[in-house]
Amino acid sequence: MKEGIHSIFQEVIMLAKRLVSIPSTVDNPQALRDVLSLAKSELRDFHIEEFESNGIHSVLVSKQKTKSFTVLLHAHLDVVPANTYTLVEKDGMLYGRGVYDMKVAAAVMIVLFKEIAHR
């Protein structure tokens, strides 16, 4: 694996661990704010528009303030309740609440956006 790709992969794994560790369930509004704050902090160098619909807080992140997009990446950071929110790596696989749906995918999107937005 090239050094750049390895570095990006490690960044995704580190962010995924942080996202999965937050029990962002509908019945935990503080954790929902925390997980969204983490995502926003990762994207702080970009334009962030915050909004709320039916009590759900969301953000729209873009390279610049615009309503015209070539590519739109979409993810959610809430998960269903569970007993544990620890990401486990075993035999090259990741296990934990929100890994498949969809905190790891959100981490990939965040890192990918940061990598390509300035190109």
PDB file of N, CA and C in Angstrom:
ATOM      1  N   MET A   1       0.845  -1.171   0.000  1.00  0.00           N
ATOM      2  CA  MET A   1       0.000   0.000   0.000  1.00  0.00           C
ATOM      3  C   MET A   1       0.889   1.233   0.000  1.00  0.00           C
ATOM      4  N   LYS A   2       0.584   2.199  -0.847  1.00  0.00           N
ATOM      5  CA  LYS A   2       1.372   3.425  -0.887  1.00  0.00           C
ATOM      6  C   LYS A   2       1.234   4.157   0.432  1.00  0.00           C
ATOM      7  N   GLU A   3       2.268   4.945   0.782  1.00  0.00           N
ATOM      8  CA  GLU A   3       2.281   5.665   2.050  1.00  0.00           C
ATOM      9  C   GLU A   3       1.064   6.576   2.192  1.00  0.00           C
ATOM     10  N   GLY A   4       0.691   7.306   1.125  1.00  0.00           N
ATOM     11  CA  GLY A   4      -0.460   8.205   1.181  1.00  0.00           C
ATOM     12  C   GLY A   4      -1.752   7.464   1.456  1.00  0.00           C
ATOM     13  N   ILE A   5      -1.941   6.340   0.797  1.00  0.00           N
ATOM     14  CA  ILE A   5      -3.138   5.521   0.984  1.00  0.00           C
ATOM     15  C   ILE A   5      -3.162   4.961   2.406  1.00  0.00           C
ATOM     16  N   HIS A   6      -2.018   4.503   2.879  1.00  0.00           N
ATOM     17  CA  HIS A   6      -1.932   3.959   4.244  1.00  0.00           C
ATOM     18  C   HIS A   6      -2.296   5.036   5.261  1.00  0.00           C
ATOM     19  N   SER A   7      -1.821   6.245   5.056  1.00  0.00           N
ATOM     20  CA  SER A   7      -2.118   7.352   5.958  1.00  0.00           C
ATOM     21  C   SER A   7      -3.610   7.672   5.961  1.00  0.00           C
ATOM     22  N   ILE A   8      -4.224   7.677   4.794  1.00  0.00           N
ATOM     23  CA  ILE A   8      -5.660   7.934   4.691  1.00  0.00           C
ATOM     24  C   ILE A   8      -6.442   6.822   5.384  1.00  0.00           C
ATOM     25  N   PHE A   9      -6.030   5.582   5.161  1.00  0.00           N
ATOM     26  CA  PHE A   9      -6.685   4.437   5.800  1.00  0.00           C
ATOM     27  C   PHE A   9      -6.616   4.564   7.317  1.00  0.00           C
ATOM     28  N   GLN A  10      -5.450   4.920   7.845  1.00  0.00           N
ATOM     29  CA  GLN A  10      -5.300   5.077   9.291  1.00  0.00           C
ATOM     30  C   GLN A  10      -6.181   6.214   9.820  1.00  0.00           C
ATOM     31  N   GLU A  11      -6.292   7.296   9.055  1.00  0.00           N
ATOM     32  CA  GLU A  11      -7.150   8.409   9.463  1.00  0.00           C
ATOM     33  C   GLU A  11      -8.611   7.963   9.531  1.00  0.00           C
ATOM     34  N   VAL A  12      -9.051   7.175   8.559  1.00  0.00           N
ATOM     35  CA  VAL A  12     -10.418   6.656   8.563  1.00  0.00           C
ATOM     36  C   VAL A  12     -10.648   5.784   9.787  1.00  0.00           C
ATOM     37  N   ILE A  13      -9.720   4.881  10.079  1.00  0.00           N
ATOM     38  CA  ILE A  13      -9.876   3.976  11.222  1.00  0.00           C
ATOM     39  C   ILE A  13      -9.925   4.772  12.525  1.00  0.00           C
ATOM     40  N   MET A  14      -9.053   5.753  12.682  1.00  0.00           N
ATOM     41  CA  MET A  14      -9.043   6.559  13.919  1.00  0.00           C
ATOM     42  C   MET A  14     -10.354   7.324  14.072  1.00  0.00           C
ATOM     43  N   LEU A  15     -10.845   7.933  12.997  1.00  0.00           N
ATOM     44  CA  LEU A  15     -12.105   8.667  13.063  1.00  0.00           C
ATOM     45  C   LEU A  15     -13.264   7.710  13.320  1.00  0.00           C
ATOM     46  N   ALA A  16     -13.263   6.565  12.661  1.00  0.00           N
ATOM     47  CA  ALA A  16     -14.320   5.571  12.870  1.00  0.00           C
ATOM     48  C   ALA A  16     -14.394   5.157  14.333  1.00  0.00           C
ATOM     49  N   LYS A  17     -13.264   4.925  14.953  1.00  0.00           N
ATOM     50  CA  LYS A  17     -13.240   4.553  16.373  1.00  0.00           C
ATOM     51  C   LYS A  17     -13.870   5.635  17.232  1.00  0.00           C
ATOM     52  N   ARG A  18     -13.562   6.879  16.923  1.00  0.00           N
ATOM     53  CA  ARG A  18     -14.121   7.994  17.698  1.00  0.00           C
ATOM     54  C   ARG A  18     -15.629   8.105  17.484  1.00  0.00           C
ATOM     55  N   LEU A  19     -16.079   7.951  16.236  1.00  0.00           N
ATOM     56  CA  LEU A  19     -17.513   8.027  15.948  1.00  0.00           C
ATOM     57  C   LEU A  19     -18.280   6.886  16.612  1.00  0.00           C
ATOM     58  N   VAL A  20     -17.754   5.659  16.499  1.00  0.00           N
ATOM     59  CA  VAL A  20     -18.429   4.488  17.070  1.00  0.00           C
ATOM     60  C   VAL A  20     -18.488   4.559  18.592  1.00  0.00           C
ATOM     61  N   SER A  21     -17.506   5.194  19.211  1.00  0.00           N
ATOM     62  CA  SER A  21     -17.475   5.256  20.678  1.00  0.00           C
ATOM     63  C   SER A  21     -18.571   6.158  21.265  1.00  0.00           C
ATOM     64  N   ILE A  22     -19.216   6.945  20.436  1.00  0.00           N
ATOM     65  CA  ILE A  22     -20.270   7.846  20.912  1.00  0.00           C
ATOM     66  C   ILE A  22     -21.623   7.147  20.753  1.00  0.00           C
ATOM     67  N   PRO A  23     -22.346   6.935  21.856  1.00  0.00           N
ATOM     68  CA  PRO A  23     -23.638   6.229  21.794  1.00  0.00           C
ATOM     69  C   PRO A  23     -24.754   7.136  21.277  1.00  0.00           C
ATOM     70  N   SER A  24     -24.683   7.494  20.018  1.00  0.00           N
ATOM     71  CA  SER A  24     -25.573   8.489  19.424  1.00  0.00           C
ATOM     72  C   SER A  24     -26.919   7.882  19.019  1.00  0.00           C
ATOM     73  N   THR A  25     -27.715   7.605  20.033  1.00  0.00           N
ATOM     74  CA  THR A  25     -29.048   7.048  19.827  1.00  0.00           C
ATOM     75  C   THR A  25     -30.095   8.145  19.976  1.00  0.00           C
ATOM     76  N   VAL A  26     -31.263   7.911  19.436  1.00  0.00           N
ATOM     77  CA  VAL A  26     -32.340   8.904  19.474  1.00  0.00           C
ATOM     78  C   VAL A  26     -32.676   9.307  20.910  1.00  0.00           C
ATOM     79  N   ASP A  27     -32.550   8.379  21.845  1.00  0.00           N
ATOM     80  CA  ASP A  27     -32.873   8.684  23.238  1.00  0.00           C
ATOM     81  C   ASP A  27     -31.704   9.334  23.996  1.00  0.00           C
ATOM     82  N   ASN A  28     -30.643   9.694  23.294  1.00  0.00           N
ATOM     83  CA  ASN A  28     -29.479  10.321  23.913  1.00  0.00           C
ATOM     84  C   ASN A  28     -29.121  11.597  23.143  1.00  0.00           C
ATOM     85  N   PRO A  29     -29.907  12.680  23.353  1.00  0.00           N
ATOM     86  CA  PRO A  29     -29.690  13.899  22.564  1.00  0.00           C
ATOM     87  C   PRO A  29     -28.299  14.510  22.732  1.00  0.00           C
ATOM     88  N   GLN A  30     -27.690  14.381  23.911  1.00  0.00           N
ATOM     89  CA  GLN A  30     -26.349  14.929  24.098  1.00  0.00           C
ATOM     90  C   GLN A  30     -25.339  14.195  23.228  1.00  0.00           C
ATOM     91  N   ALA A  31     -25.453  12.870  23.156  1.00  0.00           N
ATOM     92  CA  ALA A  31     -24.543  12.091  22.312  1.00  0.00           C
ATOM     93  C   ALA A  31     -24.759  12.415  20.831  1.00  0.00           C
ATOM     94  N   LEU A  32     -26.001  12.675  20.451  1.00  0.00           N
ATOM     95  CA  LEU A  32     -26.267  13.080  19.066  1.00  0.00           C
ATOM     96  C   LEU A  32     -25.563  14.400  18.759  1.00  0.00           C
ATOM     97  N   ARG A  33     -25.612  15.332  19.710  1.00  0.00           N
ATOM     98  CA  ARG A  33     -24.891  16.603  19.533  1.00  0.00           C
ATOM     99  C   ARG A  33     -23.386  16.364  19.493  1.00  0.00           C
ATOM    100  N   ASP A  34     -22.899  15.463  20.356  1.00  0.00           N
ATOM    101  CA  ASP A  34     -21.461  15.171  20.417  1.00  0.00           C
ATOM    102  C   ASP A  34     -20.939  14.569  19.108  1.00  0.00           C
ATOM    103  N   VAL A  35     -21.680  13.621  18.545  1.00  0.00           N
ATOM    104  CA  VAL A  35     -21.208  12.973  17.325  1.00  0.00           C
ATOM    105  C   VAL A  35     -21.246  13.958  16.158  1.00  0.00           C
ATOM    106  N   LEU A  36     -22.252  14.827  16.128  1.00  0.00           N
ATOM    107  CA  LEU A  36     -22.307  15.837  15.081  1.00  0.00           C
ATOM    108  C   LEU A  36     -21.189  16.863  15.264  1.00  0.00           C
ATOM    109  N   SER A  37     -20.888  17.217  16.508  1.00  0.00           N
ATOM    110  CA  SER A  37     -19.777  18.139  16.791  1.00  0.00           C
ATOM    111  C   SER A  37     -18.448  17.549  16.344  1.00  0.00           C
ATOM    112  N   LEU A  38     -18.263  16.259  16.556  1.00  0.00           N
ATOM    113  CA  LEU A  38     -17.033  15.605  16.102  1.00  0.00           C
ATOM    114  C   LEU A  38     -16.923  15.683  14.581  1.00  0.00           C
ATOM    115  N   ALA A  39     -18.005  15.389  13.889  1.00  0.00           N
ATOM    116  CA  ALA A  39     -17.980  15.472  12.426  1.00  0.00           C
ATOM    117  C   ALA A  39     -17.684  16.902  11.980  1.00  0.00           C
ATOM    118  N   LYS A  40     -18.320  17.872  12.618  1.00  0.00           N
ATOM    119  CA  LYS A  40     -18.076  19.273  12.255  1.00  0.00           C
ATOM    120  C   LYS A  40     -16.639  19.674  12.537  1.00  0.00           C
ATOM    121  N   SER A  41     -16.074  19.193  13.619  1.00  0.00           N
ATOM    122  CA  SER A  41     -14.685  19.558  13.938  1.00  0.00           C
ATOM    123  C   SER A  41     -13.726  18.998  12.899  1.00  0.00           C
ATOM    124  N   GLU A  42     -14.028  17.830  12.358  1.00  0.00           N
ATOM    125  CA  GLU A  42     -13.205  17.244  11.301  1.00  0.00           C
ATOM    126  C   GLU A  42     -13.293  18.056  10.015  1.00  0.00           C
ATOM    127  N   LEU A  43     -14.397  18.765   9.843  1.00  0.00           N
ATOM    128  CA  LEU A  43     -14.656  19.503   8.602  1.00  0.00           C
ATOM    129  C   LEU A  43     -14.624  21.011   8.808  1.00  0.00           C
ATOM    130  N   ARG A  44     -13.983  21.453   9.858  1.00  0.00           N
ATOM    131  CA  ARG A  44     -13.993  22.870  10.248  1.00  0.00           C
ATOM    132  C   ARG A  44     -13.399  23.814   9.208  1.00  0.00           C
ATOM    133  N   ASP A  45     -12.601  23.312   8.288  1.00  0.00           N
ATOM    134  CA  ASP A  45     -11.987  24.164   7.268  1.00  0.00           C
ATOM    135  C   ASP A  45     -12.907  24.429   6.076  1.00  0.00           C
ATOM    136  N   PHE A  46     -14.137  23.922   6.148  1.00  0.00           N
ATOM    137  CA  PHE A  46     -15.072  24.044   5.045  1.00  0.00           C
ATOM    138  C   PHE A  46     -16.314  24.819   5.484  1.00  0.00           C
ATOM    139  N   HIS A  47     -17.146  25.152   4.521  1.00  0.00           N
ATOM    140  CA  HIS A  47     -18.394  25.851   4.819  1.00  0.00           C
ATOM    141  C   HIS A  47     -19.378  24.846   5.431  1.00  0.00           C
ATOM    142  N   ILE A  48     -19.893  25.158   6.614  1.00  0.00           N
ATOM    143  CA  ILE A  48     -20.846  24.281   7.295  1.00  0.00           C
ATOM    144  C   ILE A  48     -22.135  25.049   7.518  1.00  0.00           C
ATOM    145  N   GLU A  49     -23.205  24.511   6.962  1.00  0.00           N
ATOM    146  CA  GLU A  49     -24.538  25.079   7.166  1.00  0.00           C
ATOM    147  C   GLU A  49     -25.296  24.132   8.091  1.00  0.00           C
ATOM    148  N   GLU A  50     -25.748  24.650   9.214  1.00  0.00           N
ATOM    149  CA  GLU A  50     -26.484  23.827  10.172  1.00  0.00           C
ATOM    150  C   GLU A  50     -27.968  24.088  10.029  1.00  0.00           C
ATOM    151  N   PHE A  51     -28.754  23.036  10.199  1.00  0.00           N
ATOM    152  CA  PHE A  51     -30.197  23.192  10.167  1.00  0.00           C
ATOM    153  C   PHE A  51     -30.850  22.107  11.007  1.00  0.00           C
ATOM    154  N   GLU A  52     -32.144  22.292  11.265  1.00  0.00           N
ATOM    155  CA  GLU A  52     -32.896  21.344  12.076  1.00  0.00           C
ATOM    156  C   GLU A  52     -34.243  21.110  11.405  1.00  0.00           C
ATOM    157  N   SER A  53     -34.676  19.864  11.384  1.00  0.00           N
ATOM    158  CA  SER A  53     -35.972  19.509  10.840  1.00  0.00           C
ATOM    159  C   SER A  53     -36.592  18.453  11.744  1.00  0.00           C
ATOM    160  N   ASN A  54     -37.761  18.733  12.257  1.00  0.00           N
ATOM    161  CA  ASN A  54     -38.458  17.808  13.170  1.00  0.00           C
ATOM    162  C   ASN A  54     -37.580  17.411  14.354  1.00  0.00           C
ATOM    163  N   GLY A  55     -36.811  18.363  14.866  1.00  0.00           N
ATOM    164  CA  GLY A  55     -35.956  18.103  16.014  1.00  0.00           C
ATOM    165  C   GLY A  55     -34.653  17.399  15.693  1.00  0.00           C
ATOM    166  N   ILE A  56     -34.400  17.107  14.434  1.00  0.00           N
ATOM    167  CA  ILE A  56     -33.174  16.426  14.022  1.00  0.00           C
ATOM    168  C   ILE A  56     -32.184  17.479  13.532  1.00  0.00           C
ATOM    169  N   HIS A  57     -31.019  17.520  14.176  1.00  0.00           N
ATOM    170  CA  HIS A  57     -29.970  18.451  13.781  1.00  0.00           C
ATOM    171  C   HIS A  57     -29.145  17.829  12.662  1.00  0.00           C
ATOM    172  N   SER A  58     -28.834  18.639  11.655  1.00  0.00           N
ATOM    173  CA  SER A  58     -28.066  18.167  10.507  1.00  0.00           C
ATOM    174  C   SER A  58     -27.119  19.261  10.055  1.00  0.00           C
ATOM    175  N   VAL A  59     -26.168  18.867   9.233  1.00  0.00           N
ATOM    176  CA  VAL A  59     -25.255  19.839   8.627  1.00  0.00           C
ATOM    177  C   VAL A  59     -25.107  19.524   7.146  1.00  0.00           C
ATOM    178  N   LEU A  60     -24.849  20.578   6.402  1.00  0.00           N
ATOM    179  CA  LEU A  60     -24.501  20.468   4.993  1.00  0.00           C
ATOM    180  C   LEU A  60     -23.126  21.099   4.873  1.00  0.00           C
ATOM    181  N   VAL A  61     -22.163  20.316   4.434  1.00  0.00           N
ATOM    182  CA  VAL A  61     -20.776  20.775   4.345  1.00  0.00           C
ATOM    183  C   VAL A  61     -20.401  20.895   2.874  1.00  0.00           C
ATOM    184  N   SER A  62     -19.780  21.997   2.537  1.00  0.00           N
ATOM    185  CA  SER A  62     -19.355  22.186   1.153  1.00  0.00           C
ATOM    186  C   SER A  62     -18.020  22.910   1.111  1.00  0.00           C
ATOM    187  N   LYS A  63     -17.386  22.804  -0.019  1.00  0.00           N
ATOM    188  CA  LYS A  63     -16.098  23.475  -0.214  1.00  0.00           C
ATOM    189  C   LYS A  63     -16.268  24.974  -0.125  1.00  0.00           C
ATOM    190  N   GLN A  64     -17.379  25.451  -0.643  1.00  0.00           N
ATOM    191  CA  GLN A  64     -17.685  26.878  -0.598  1.00  0.00           C
ATOM    192  C   GLN A  64     -19.188  27.026  -0.430  1.00  0.00           C
ATOM    193  N   LYS A  65     -19.615  28.207  -0.059  1.00  0.00           N
ATOM    194  CA  LYS A  65     -21.042  28.435   0.144  1.00  0.00           C
ATOM    195  C   LYS A  65     -21.744  28.394  -1.215  1.00  0.00           C
ATOM    196  N   THR A  66     -22.459  27.300  -1.454  1.00  0.00           N
ATOM    197  CA  THR A  66     -23.140  27.117  -2.733  1.00  0.00           C
ATOM    198  C   THR A  66     -24.301  26.155  -2.554  1.00  0.00           C
ATOM    199  N   LYS A  67     -25.221  26.202  -3.452  1.00  0.00           N
ATOM    200  CA  LYS A  67     -26.313  25.225  -3.457  1.00  0.00           C
ATOM    201  C   LYS A  67     -26.257  24.371  -4.720  1.00  0.00           C
ATOM    202  N   SER A  68     -25.145  24.420  -5.407  1.00  0.00           N
ATOM    203  CA  SER A  68     -24.945  23.639  -6.617  1.00  0.00           C
ATOM    204  C   SER A  68     -23.817  22.650  -6.364  1.00  0.00           C
ATOM    205  N   PHE A  69     -24.111  21.359  -6.474  1.00  0.00           N
ATOM    206  CA  PHE A  69     -23.135  20.330  -6.150  1.00  0.00           C
ATOM    207  C   PHE A  69     -22.909  19.404  -7.335  1.00  0.00           C
ATOM    208  N   THR A  70     -21.673  18.996  -7.537  1.00  0.00           N
ATOM    209  CA  THR A  70     -21.344  18.000  -8.537  1.00  0.00           C
ATOM    210  C   THR A  70     -21.514  16.609  -7.944  1.00  0.00           C
ATOM    211  N   VAL A  71     -21.074  16.464  -6.696  1.00  0.00           N
ATOM    212  CA  VAL A  71     -21.164  15.207  -5.977  1.00  0.00           C
ATOM    213  C   VAL A  71     -21.748  15.494  -4.602  1.00  0.00           C
ATOM    214  N   LEU A  72     -22.653  14.640  -4.151  1.00  0.00           N
ATOM    215  CA  LEU A  72     -23.242  14.794  -2.825  1.00  0.00           C
ATOM    216  C   LEU A  72     -23.011  13.503  -2.050  1.00  0.00           C
ATOM    217  N   LEU A  73     -22.346  13.616  -0.915  1.00  0.00           N
ATOM    218  CA  LEU A  73     -22.123  12.477  -0.026  1.00  0.00           C
ATOM    219  C   LEU A  73     -23.113  12.624   1.127  1.00  0.00           C
ATOM    220  N   HIS A  74     -23.780  11.554   1.493  1.00  0.00           N
ATOM    221  CA  HIS A  74     -24.826  11.624   2.511  1.00  0.00           C
ATOM    222  C   HIS A  74     -24.625  10.513   3.536  1.00  0.00           C
ATOM    223  N   ALA A  75     -24.683  10.872   4.812  1.00  0.00           N
ATOM    224  CA  ALA A  75     -24.529   9.877   5.877  1.00  0.00           C
ATOM    225  C   ALA A  75     -25.348  10.296   7.092  1.00  0.00           C
ATOM    226  N   HIS A  76     -25.667   9.325   7.927  1.00  0.00           N
ATOM    227  CA  HIS A  76     -26.290   9.621   9.210  1.00  0.00           C
ATOM    228  C   HIS A  76     -25.383   9.075  10.309  1.00  0.00           C
ATOM    229  N   LEU A  77     -25.473   9.680  11.482  1.00  0.00           N
ATOM    230  CA  LEU A  77     -24.581   9.305  12.583  1.00  0.00           C
ATOM    231  C   LEU A  77     -25.332   8.751  13.789  1.00  0.00           C
ATOM    232  N   ASP A  78     -26.637   8.565  13.665  1.00  0.00           N
ATOM    233  CA  ASP A  78     -27.384   7.969  14.764  1.00  0.00           C
ATOM    234  C   ASP A  78     -27.399   6.444  14.586  1.00  0.00           C
ATOM    235  N   VAL A  79     -27.507   5.753  15.705  1.00  0.00           N
ATOM    236  CA  VAL A  79     -27.517   4.287  15.701  1.00  0.00           C
ATOM    237  C   VAL A  79     -28.618   3.794  16.633  1.00  0.00           C
ATOM    238  N   VAL A  80     -28.952   2.521  16.522  1.00  0.00           N
ATOM    239  CA  VAL A  80     -29.909   1.924  17.445  1.00  0.00           C
ATOM    240  C   VAL A  80     -29.169   1.579  18.741  1.00  0.00           C
ATOM    241  N   PRO A  81     -29.880   1.590  19.875  1.00  0.00           N
ATOM    242  CA  PRO A  81     -29.226   1.300  21.164  1.00  0.00           C
ATOM    243  C   PRO A  81     -28.557  -0.076  21.194  1.00  0.00           C
ATOM    244  N   ALA A  82     -27.471  -0.144  21.970  1.00  0.00           N
ATOM    245  CA  ALA A  82     -26.726  -1.398  22.132  1.00  0.00           C
ATOM    246  C   ALA A  82     -26.046  -1.405  23.496  1.00  0.00           C
ATOM    247  N   ASN A  83     -25.413  -2.516  23.833  1.00  0.00           N
ATOM    248  CA  ASN A  83     -24.704  -2.636  25.106  1.00  0.00           C
ATOM    249  C   ASN A  83     -23.303  -2.049  25.053  1.00  0.00           C
ATOM    250  N   THR A  84     -22.728  -1.982  23.868  1.00  0.00           N
ATOM    251  CA  THR A  84     -21.361  -1.492  23.750  1.00  0.00           C
ATOM    252  C   THR A  84     -21.206  -0.602  22.528  1.00  0.00           C
ATOM    253  N   TYR A  85     -20.308   0.347  22.644  1.00  0.00           N
ATOM    254  CA  TYR A  85     -20.032   1.266  21.543  1.00  0.00           C
ATOM    255  C   TYR A  85     -18.524   1.312  21.286  1.00  0.00           C
ATOM    256  N   THR A  86     -17.879   0.175  21.456  1.00  0.00           N
ATOM    257  CA  THR A  86     -16.447   0.062  21.245  1.00  0.00           C
ATOM    258  C   THR A  86     -16.186  -0.615  19.912  1.00  0.00           C
ATOM    259  N   LEU A  87     -15.330  -0.015  19.123  1.00  0.00           N
ATOM    260  CA  LEU A  87     -14.944  -0.607  17.849  1.00  0.00           C
ATOM    261  C   LEU A  87     -13.878  -1.660  18.112  1.00  0.00           C
ATOM    262  N   VAL A  88     -14.086  -2.852  17.574  1.00  0.00           N
ATOM    263  CA  VAL A  88     -13.136  -3.945  17.734  1.00  0.00           C
ATOM    264  C   VAL A  88     -12.575  -4.289  16.355  1.00  0.00           C
ATOM    265  N   GLU A  89     -11.249  -4.402  16.283  1.00  0.00           N
ATOM    266  CA  GLU A  89     -10.580  -4.862  15.067  1.00  0.00           C
ATOM    267  C   GLU A  89     -10.141  -6.295  15.293  1.00  0.00           C
ATOM    268  N   LYS A  90     -10.562  -7.193  14.404  1.00  0.00           N
ATOM    269  CA  LYS A  90     -10.185  -8.597  14.547  1.00  0.00           C
ATOM    270  C   LYS A  90     -10.036  -9.195  13.157  1.00  0.00           C
ATOM    271  N   ASP A  91      -8.872  -9.759  12.895  1.00  0.00           N
ATOM    272  CA  ASP A  91      -8.589 -10.407  11.603  1.00  0.00           C
ATOM    273  C   ASP A  91      -8.882  -9.478  10.425  1.00  0.00           C
ATOM    274  N   GLY A  92      -8.523  -8.218  10.570  1.00  0.00           N
ATOM    275  CA  GLY A  92      -8.699  -7.260   9.492  1.00  0.00           C
ATOM    276  C   GLY A  92     -10.115  -6.761   9.312  1.00  0.00           C
ATOM    277  N   MET A  93     -11.006  -7.113  10.239  1.00  0.00           N
ATOM    278  CA  MET A  93     -12.412  -6.705  10.158  1.00  0.00           C
ATOM    279  C   MET A  93     -12.726  -5.769  11.329  1.00  0.00           C
ATOM    280  N   LEU A  94     -13.730  -4.920  11.137  1.00  0.00           N
ATOM    281  CA  LEU A  94     -14.179  -4.005  12.172  1.00  0.00           C
ATOM    282  C   LEU A  94     -15.554  -4.441  12.666  1.00  0.00           C
ATOM    283  N   TYR A  95     -15.738  -4.426  13.995  1.00  0.00           N
ATOM    284  CA  TYR A  95     -17.001  -4.806  14.606  1.00  0.00           C
ATOM    285  C   TYR A  95     -17.389  -3.746  15.633  1.00  0.00           C
ATOM    286  N   GLY A  96     -18.662  -3.429  15.701  1.00  0.00           N
ATOM    287  CA  GLY A  96     -19.149  -2.479  16.696  1.00  0.00           C
ATOM    288  C   GLY A  96     -20.426  -1.805  16.235  1.00  0.00           C
ATOM    289  N   ARG A  97     -21.118  -1.170  17.170  1.00  0.00           N
ATOM    290  CA  ARG A  97     -22.380  -0.490  16.873  1.00  0.00           C
ATOM    291  C   ARG A  97     -22.139   0.645  15.894  1.00  0.00           C
ATOM    292  N   GLY A  98     -22.830   0.602  14.769  1.00  0.00           N
ATOM    293  CA  GLY A  98     -22.717   1.647  13.771  1.00  0.00           C
ATOM    294  C   GLY A  98     -21.627   1.408  12.737  1.00  0.00           C
ATOM    295  N   VAL A  99     -20.896   0.299  12.842  1.00  0.00           N
ATOM    296  CA  VAL A  99     -19.821   0.040  11.877  1.00  0.00           C
ATOM    297  C   VAL A  99     -20.402  -0.097  10.477  1.00  0.00           C
ATOM    298  N   TYR A 100     -21.413  -0.959  10.334  1.00  0.00           N
ATOM    299  CA  TYR A 100     -21.994  -1.174   9.012  1.00  0.00           C
ATOM    300  C   TYR A 100     -22.968  -0.058   8.652  1.00  0.00           C
ATOM    301  N   ASP A 101     -23.745   0.370   9.606  1.00  0.00           N
ATOM    302  CA  ASP A 101     -24.773   1.382   9.350  1.00  0.00           C
ATOM    303  C   ASP A 101     -24.627   2.519  10.357  1.00  0.00           C
ATOM    304  N   MET A 102     -23.894   3.486  10.119  1.00  0.00           N
ATOM    305  CA  MET A 102     -23.037   3.739   8.985  1.00  0.00           C
ATOM    306  C   MET A 102     -21.887   4.649   9.355  1.00  0.00           C
ATOM    307  N   LYS A 103     -21.386   4.465  10.563  1.00  0.00           N
ATOM    308  CA  LYS A 103     -20.348   5.375  11.039  1.00  0.00           C
ATOM    309  C   LYS A 103     -19.010   5.197  10.324  1.00  0.00           C
ATOM    310  N   VAL A 104     -18.651   3.995   9.938  1.00  0.00           N
ATOM    311  CA  VAL A 104     -17.404   3.828   9.188  1.00  0.00           C
ATOM    312  C   VAL A 104     -17.560   4.456   7.807  1.00  0.00           C
ATOM    313  N   ALA A 105     -18.712   4.278   7.194  1.00  0.00           N
ATOM    314  CA  ALA A 105     -18.959   4.919   5.898  1.00  0.00           C
ATOM    315  C   ALA A 105     -18.899   6.443   6.045  1.00  0.00           C
ATOM    316  N   ALA A 106     -19.438   6.974   7.139  1.00  0.00           N
ATOM    317  CA  ALA A 106     -19.367   8.419   7.378  1.00  0.00           C
ATOM    318  C   ALA A 106     -17.913   8.860   7.541  1.00  0.00           C
ATOM    319  N   ALA A 107     -17.112   8.074   8.249  1.00  0.00           N
ATOM    320  CA  ALA A 107     -15.688   8.401   8.406  1.00  0.00           C
ATOM    321  C   ALA A 107     -14.985   8.409   7.054  1.00  0.00           C
ATOM    322  N   VAL A 108     -15.300   7.426   6.213  1.00  0.00           N
ATOM    323  CA  VAL A 108     -14.718   7.382   4.864  1.00  0.00           C
ATOM    324  C   VAL A 108     -15.112   8.639   4.092  1.00  0.00           C
ATOM    325  N   MET A 109     -16.385   9.007   4.161  1.00  0.00           N
ATOM    326  CA  MET A 109     -16.854  10.187   3.438  1.00  0.00           C
ATOM    327  C   MET A 109     -16.188  11.469   3.932  1.00  0.00           C
ATOM    328  N   ILE A 110     -16.034  11.603   5.231  1.00  0.00           N
ATOM    329  CA  ILE A 110     -15.398  12.792   5.797  1.00  0.00           C
ATOM    330  C   ILE A 110     -13.951  12.894   5.331  1.00  0.00           C
ATOM    331  N   VAL A 111     -13.208  11.811   5.457  1.00  0.00           N
ATOM    332  CA  VAL A 111     -11.800  11.817   5.055  1.00  0.00           C
ATOM    333  C   VAL A 111     -11.671  12.011   3.544  1.00  0.00           C
ATOM    334  N   LEU A 112     -12.504  11.334   2.781  1.00  0.00           N
ATOM    335  CA  LEU A 112     -12.486  11.486   1.327  1.00  0.00           C
ATOM    336  C   LEU A 112     -12.782  12.938   0.938  1.00  0.00           C
ATOM    337  N   PHE A 113     -13.801  13.521   1.542  1.00  0.00           N
ATOM    338  CA  PHE A 113     -14.145  14.902   1.239  1.00  0.00           C
ATOM    339  C   PHE A 113     -12.968  15.830   1.544  1.00  0.00           C
ATOM    340  N   LYS A 114     -12.338  15.654   2.686  1.00  0.00           N
ATOM    341  CA  LYS A 114     -11.194  16.491   3.045  1.00  0.00           C
ATOM    342  C   LYS A 114     -10.057  16.326   2.044  1.00  0.00           C
ATOM    343  N   GLU A 115      -9.851  15.107   1.542  1.00  0.00           N
ATOM    344  CA  GLU A 115      -8.761  14.846   0.601  1.00  0.00           C
ATOM    345  C   GLU A 115      -9.005  15.439  -0.779  1.00  0.00           C
ATOM    346  N   ILE A 116     -10.251  15.372  -1.254  1.00  0.00           N
ATOM    347  CA  ILE A 116     -10.493  15.773  -2.637  1.00  0.00           C
ATOM    348  C   ILE A 116     -11.093  17.168  -2.803  1.00  0.00           C
ATOM    349  N   ALA A 117     -11.614  17.762  -1.762  1.00  0.00           N
ATOM    350  CA  ALA A 117     -12.323  19.037  -1.899  1.00  0.00           C
ATOM    351  C   ALA A 117     -11.442  20.155  -2.433  1.00  0.00           C
ATOM    352  N   HIS A 118     -10.180  20.136  -2.142  1.00  0.00           N
ATOM    353  CA  HIS A 118      -9.295  21.204  -2.592  1.00  0.00           C
ATOM    354  C   HIS A 118      -8.670  20.948  -3.962  1.00  0.00           C
ATOM    355  N   ARG A 119      -8.979  19.796  -4.537  1.00  0.00           N
ATOM    356  CA  ARG A 119      -8.414  19.465  -5.860  1.00  0.00           C
ATOM    357  C   ARG A 119      -9.289  19.984  -6.968  1.00  0.00           C
TER     358      ARG A 119
END
